[in-house]
Amino acid sequence: MRVLVLAMALMVAPVAANAAGGGGELMDANVDVHDRQSLQRGAKLFANYCMGCHSLKYLRYNRVAQDLNIPEDVVEQYLIWDGSKIQSTMTNVMRDGDAQDWFGKAPPDLSLTARAKGSNWIYTYLNSYYRDPDQPTGVNNLLLKGTSMPHVLWRQQGIPELVHKDGEGGSESDQEATKLKVPEGAGTLSSSEYHRMTRDITNFLTYASEPIRPARERMGVWVILFLLVFLGVAYLLKREYWKDVH
């Protein structure tokens, strides 16, 4: 019985970790690391919009190709931009000196961000940018105030405006009383399309933080079923041994 309880606890552990993002109310990313099409889209989006600054130093291109069922020549053509080999880790092309000059510090590696902050945190962050002329990048973020990361997806989303819930202009210091509103036609994508885009990126980063997770979860189902069957056999065996005693 203790083994069964421990196995069930390990199965729900990723869910609990995903909720531990902090930073106020988080949006539900609704990630699914078994959705291969979403992961494939997320890999392409990450390579095109994120890898200019951020790395995934614990993940190799050939591992992505294998796990996401992408031919290696396709990975080389659409995911690798710096001439790296298919066996290389996914590192960015930005020099540390440039990062220091542009952002004040080097952009963090995102390999373990989903495990450290949670998938919901990443998804909420990507959907929390708003216009702020007082910031060097012209934008700020409700989840991480004073962020030095620009809104790299502004062409797709547009730049949201910070407004009070009653529709009046808001102040960034009053986070609880504000919401974000994207001006009509400001971005190239609709709201639903942009949310799918950020969800795919989040899903890929969730996979990248633990590439073995899909296989582990599939195996976990069979382990639980085996333990349930074993529990039934053990119970019947117990009854057989103790029937004369009772």
Protein backbone atom coordinates (compact mmCIF):
# COMPACT_ATOMS: atom_id res chain seq x y z
CA MET A 1 0.00 0.00 0.00
CA ARG A 2 2.84 2.42 0.81
CA VAL A 3 4.34 1.77 -2.63
CA LEU A 4 1.00 2.60 -4.26
CA VAL A 5 0.64 5.85 -2.32
CA LEU A 6 4.21 6.86 -3.19
CA ALA A 7 3.68 6.16 -6.88
CA MET A 8 0.48 8.22 -6.93
CA ALA A 9 2.28 11.09 -5.18
CA LEU A 10 5.00 11.05 -7.83
CA MET A 11 2.36 11.19 -10.55
CA VAL A 12 0.74 14.35 -9.16
CA ALA A 13 4.03 16.05 -8.23
CA PRO A 14 4.42 17.84 -11.60
CA VAL A 15 0.93 19.31 -11.19
CA ALA A 16 1.77 20.70 -7.78
CA ALA A 17 5.08 22.09 -9.02
CA ASN A 18 3.34 23.77 -11.94
CA ALA A 19 1.10 25.68 -9.57
CA ALA A 20 4.04 27.06 -7.61
CA GLY A 21 4.85 30.00 -9.83
CA GLY A 22 4.20 32.91 -7.53
CA GLY A 23 3.70 36.48 -8.68
CA GLY A 24 -0.06 36.74 -8.12
CA GLU A 25 -2.92 35.18 -10.04
CA LEU A 26 -1.73 33.12 -12.98
CA MET A 27 -3.45 32.18 -16.22
CA ASP A 28 -4.01 28.51 -16.97
CA ALA A 29 -1.56 27.46 -19.68
CA ASN A 30 -3.33 24.13 -20.15
CA VAL A 31 -0.12 22.56 -21.47
CA ASP A 32 0.00 19.02 -22.78
CA VAL A 33 3.46 17.57 -23.40
CA HIS A 34 1.82 14.68 -25.27
CA ASP A 35 0.48 17.09 -27.92
CA ARG A 36 3.23 16.59 -30.48
CA GLN A 37 1.86 19.10 -32.98
CA SER A 38 1.83 21.82 -30.33
CA LEU A 39 5.39 20.93 -29.33
CA GLN A 40 6.53 21.05 -32.97
CA ARG A 41 4.99 24.50 -33.41
CA GLY A 42 6.48 25.60 -30.10
CA ALA A 43 9.96 24.45 -31.12
CA LYS A 44 9.79 26.46 -34.32
CA LEU A 45 8.44 29.54 -32.52
CA PHE A 46 11.13 29.32 -29.85
CA ALA A 47 13.87 29.05 -32.46
CA ASN A 48 12.49 32.02 -34.40
CA TYR A 49 11.52 34.42 -31.61
CA CYS A 50 13.40 33.41 -28.46
CA MET A 51 16.77 31.91 -29.35
CA GLY A 52 18.23 35.20 -30.44
CA CYS A 53 18.65 35.88 -26.72
CA HIS A 54 17.79 32.73 -24.75
CA SER A 55 19.37 29.28 -24.67
CA LEU A 56 18.31 25.78 -23.70
CA LYS A 57 21.73 24.55 -22.68
CA TYR A 58 20.52 21.17 -21.39
CA LEU A 59 18.67 20.22 -24.59
CA ARG A 60 20.22 19.02 -27.85
CA TYR A 61 18.78 19.49 -31.32
CA ASN A 62 18.87 15.78 -32.11
CA ARG A 63 16.95 15.03 -28.91
CA VAL A 64 14.24 17.46 -30.06
CA ALA A 65 14.19 15.78 -33.47
CA GLN A 66 13.81 12.34 -31.89
CA ASP A 67 11.22 13.26 -29.25
CA LEU A 68 9.04 15.43 -31.49
CA ASN A 69 9.33 13.19 -34.56
CA ILE A 70 10.95 15.87 -36.71
CA PRO A 71 13.43 14.77 -39.42
CA GLU A 72 16.93 15.97 -38.61
CA ASP A 73 17.29 17.76 -41.93
CA VAL A 74 14.14 19.76 -41.11
CA VAL A 75 15.59 20.66 -37.70
CA GLU A 76 18.81 21.81 -39.39
CA GLN A 77 16.86 23.91 -41.89
CA TYR A 78 14.27 25.55 -39.61
CA LEU A 79 15.62 25.44 -36.05
CA ILE A 80 19.38 25.95 -36.35
CA TRP A 81 20.46 29.45 -37.34
CA ASP A 82 24.07 29.65 -36.20
CA GLY A 83 25.63 26.73 -38.06
CA SER A 84 25.59 24.43 -35.02
CA LYS A 85 25.67 20.67 -35.50
CA ILE A 86 22.57 18.56 -34.94
CA GLN A 87 24.28 17.11 -31.85
CA SER A 88 24.80 20.58 -30.32
CA THR A 89 22.87 22.05 -27.44
CA MET A 90 20.39 24.82 -28.17
CA THR A 91 22.48 27.89 -27.34
CA ASN A 92 21.78 31.45 -28.43
CA VAL A 93 23.92 33.53 -30.77
CA MET A 94 24.11 36.67 -28.63
CA ARG A 95 27.46 37.73 -27.25
CA ASP A 96 27.60 38.49 -23.52
CA GLY A 97 28.90 41.99 -24.20
CA ASP A 98 25.94 42.80 -26.45
CA ALA A 99 23.48 41.44 -23.89
CA GLN A 100 25.02 43.61 -21.20
CA ASP A 101 24.82 46.71 -23.38
CA TRP A 102 21.27 46.13 -24.58
CA PHE A 103 19.52 44.68 -21.53
CA GLY A 104 21.82 45.43 -18.59
CA LYS A 105 22.43 41.72 -18.00
CA ALA A 106 22.62 38.48 -19.95
CA PRO A 107 19.22 36.90 -20.76
CA PRO A 108 18.72 33.76 -18.63
CA ASP A 109 18.91 30.24 -19.91
CA LEU A 110 15.34 28.86 -20.07
CA SER A 111 16.09 25.15 -19.72
CA LEU A 112 14.57 24.82 -16.25
CA THR A 113 12.26 27.84 -16.12
CA ALA A 114 9.11 25.72 -16.42
CA ARG A 115 10.21 23.61 -13.45
CA ALA A 116 11.37 26.56 -11.37
CA LYS A 117 8.44 28.91 -11.97
CA GLY A 118 5.77 26.74 -13.54
CA SER A 119 4.19 26.58 -16.98
CA ASN A 120 1.39 28.92 -15.92
CA TRP A 121 3.97 31.56 -14.97
CA ILE A 122 5.57 31.46 -18.43
CA TYR A 123 2.21 31.64 -20.18
CA THR A 124 1.01 34.50 -17.99
CA TYR A 125 4.26 36.39 -18.51
CA LEU A 126 3.95 36.17 -22.29
CA ASN A 127 0.41 37.53 -22.02
CA SER A 128 1.09 40.34 -19.53
CA TYR A 129 3.02 42.93 -21.55
CA TYR A 130 1.66 46.48 -21.80
CA ARG A 131 2.78 49.82 -23.13
CA ASP A 132 4.95 51.82 -20.72
CA PRO A 133 6.81 54.82 -22.22
CA ASP A 134 8.85 55.16 -19.02
CA GLN A 135 10.65 51.87 -19.66
CA PRO A 136 13.72 51.67 -21.94
CA THR A 137 11.99 49.06 -24.12
CA GLY A 138 8.70 50.97 -24.20
CA VAL A 139 6.86 48.11 -22.48
CA ASN A 140 6.43 46.64 -19.03
CA ASN A 141 4.95 43.45 -17.63
CA LEU A 142 2.27 43.02 -14.98
CA LEU A 143 3.78 39.76 -13.75
CA LEU A 144 7.38 40.95 -13.62
CA LYS A 145 7.54 44.70 -13.17
CA GLY A 146 10.55 46.44 -14.65
CA THR A 147 11.41 43.50 -16.91
CA SER A 148 14.29 44.20 -19.27
CA MET A 149 12.95 41.76 -21.87
CA PRO A 150 11.25 43.51 -24.79
CA HIS A 151 7.91 42.33 -26.09
CA VAL A 152 9.29 40.23 -28.94
CA LEU A 153 5.82 39.12 -30.02
CA TRP A 154 4.40 42.64 -30.33
CA ARG A 155 3.88 42.34 -34.07
CA GLN A 156 1.68 39.31 -33.54
CA GLN A 157 -0.26 40.58 -30.51
CA GLY A 158 0.03 44.34 -30.82
CA ILE A 159 0.98 46.26 -27.69
CA PRO A 160 -1.73 46.09 -25.00
CA GLU A 161 -2.75 49.21 -23.10
CA LEU A 162 -3.13 49.26 -19.32
CA VAL A 163 -6.66 50.35 -18.33
CA HIS A 164 -8.84 50.26 -15.22
CA LYS A 165 -11.50 47.61 -15.09
CA ASP A 166 -14.08 50.38 -15.38
CA GLY A 167 -12.56 51.34 -18.75
CA GLU A 168 -10.66 54.43 -17.59
CA GLY A 169 -6.93 54.88 -18.03
CA GLY A 170 -4.99 52.98 -15.40
CA SER A 171 -1.81 53.33 -13.42
CA GLU A 172 0.76 50.55 -13.32
CA SER A 173 1.01 50.98 -9.54
CA ASP A 174 -2.58 49.80 -9.17
CA GLN A 175 -2.23 46.28 -10.52
CA GLU A 176 -5.30 44.88 -8.78
CA ALA A 177 -7.58 47.46 -10.39
CA THR A 178 -6.29 47.16 -13.95
CA LYS A 179 -6.56 44.95 -16.99
CA LEU A 180 -4.94 44.83 -20.41
CA LYS A 181 -6.66 45.76 -23.64
CA VAL A 182 -5.21 45.24 -27.10
CA PRO A 183 -6.26 47.97 -29.56
CA GLU A 184 -8.39 46.69 -32.43
CA GLY A 185 -6.25 45.49 -35.33
CA ALA A 186 -2.98 46.25 -33.55
CA GLY A 187 -1.47 42.82 -34.16
CA THR A 188 -1.32 40.37 -37.04
CA LEU A 189 -3.02 37.64 -34.99
CA SER A 190 -6.42 37.46 -33.36
CA SER A 191 -6.59 37.07 -29.58
CA SER A 192 -7.24 33.33 -29.83
CA GLU A 193 -4.41 32.86 -32.34
CA TYR A 194 -1.97 34.75 -30.13
CA HIS A 195 -2.97 32.72 -27.08
CA ARG A 196 -2.39 29.51 -29.05
CA MET A 197 1.00 30.85 -30.09
CA THR A 198 2.08 31.60 -26.51
CA ARG A 199 0.62 28.30 -25.32
CA ASP A 200 2.70 26.41 -27.89
CA ILE A 201 5.87 28.21 -26.74
CA THR A 202 4.98 27.44 -23.12
CA ASN A 203 4.29 23.82 -23.97
CA PHE A 204 7.68 23.48 -25.66
CA LEU A 205 9.49 25.07 -22.70
CA THR A 206 7.61 22.69 -20.39
CA TYR A 207 8.85 19.76 -22.46
CA ALA A 208 12.38 21.23 -22.60
CA SER A 209 12.56 21.43 -18.82
CA GLU A 210 12.05 17.66 -18.58
CA PRO A 211 12.27 15.86 -21.94
CA ILE A 212 11.70 12.48 -20.28
CA ARG A 213 8.35 13.59 -18.86
CA PRO A 214 6.06 12.31 -21.66
CA ALA A 215 7.68 8.85 -21.49
CA ARG A 216 7.66 8.93 -17.68
CA GLU A 217 3.96 9.76 -17.57
CA ARG A 218 3.10 7.03 -20.08
CA MET A 219 5.11 4.54 -18.06
CA GLY A 220 3.53 5.81 -14.84
CA VAL A 221 0.07 4.76 -16.01
CA TRP A 222 1.28 1.20 -16.54
CA VAL A 223 3.06 1.20 -13.18
CA ILE A 224 -0.14 2.27 -11.41
CA LEU A 225 -2.12 -0.42 -13.23
CA PHE A 226 0.48 -3.02 -12.28
CA LEU A 227 0.37 -1.95 -8.63
CA LEU A 228 -3.42 -2.13 -8.60
CA VAL A 229 -3.33 -5.65 -10.03
CA PHE A 230 -0.59 -6.60 -7.55
CA LEU A 231 -2.68 -5.14 -4.72
CA GLY A 232 -5.61 -7.33 -5.75
CA VAL A 233 -3.42 -10.44 -5.90
CA ALA A 234 -1.85 -9.61 -2.52
CA TYR A 235 -5.29 -9.15 -0.97
CA LEU A 236 -6.53 -12.49 -2.29
CA LEU A 237 -3.33 -14.16 -1.08
CA LYS A 238 -3.80 -12.59 2.36
CA ARG A 239 -7.36 -13.91 2.55
CA GLU A 240 -6.18 -17.39 1.55
CA TYR A 241 -3.46 -17.46 4.24
CA TRP A 242 -5.67 -16.08 7.00
CA LYS A 243 -8.99 -17.76 6.25
CA ASP A 244 -8.40 -20.54 8.82
CA VAL A 245 -7.31 -18.05 11.50
CA HIS A 246 -10.50 -15.97 11.20
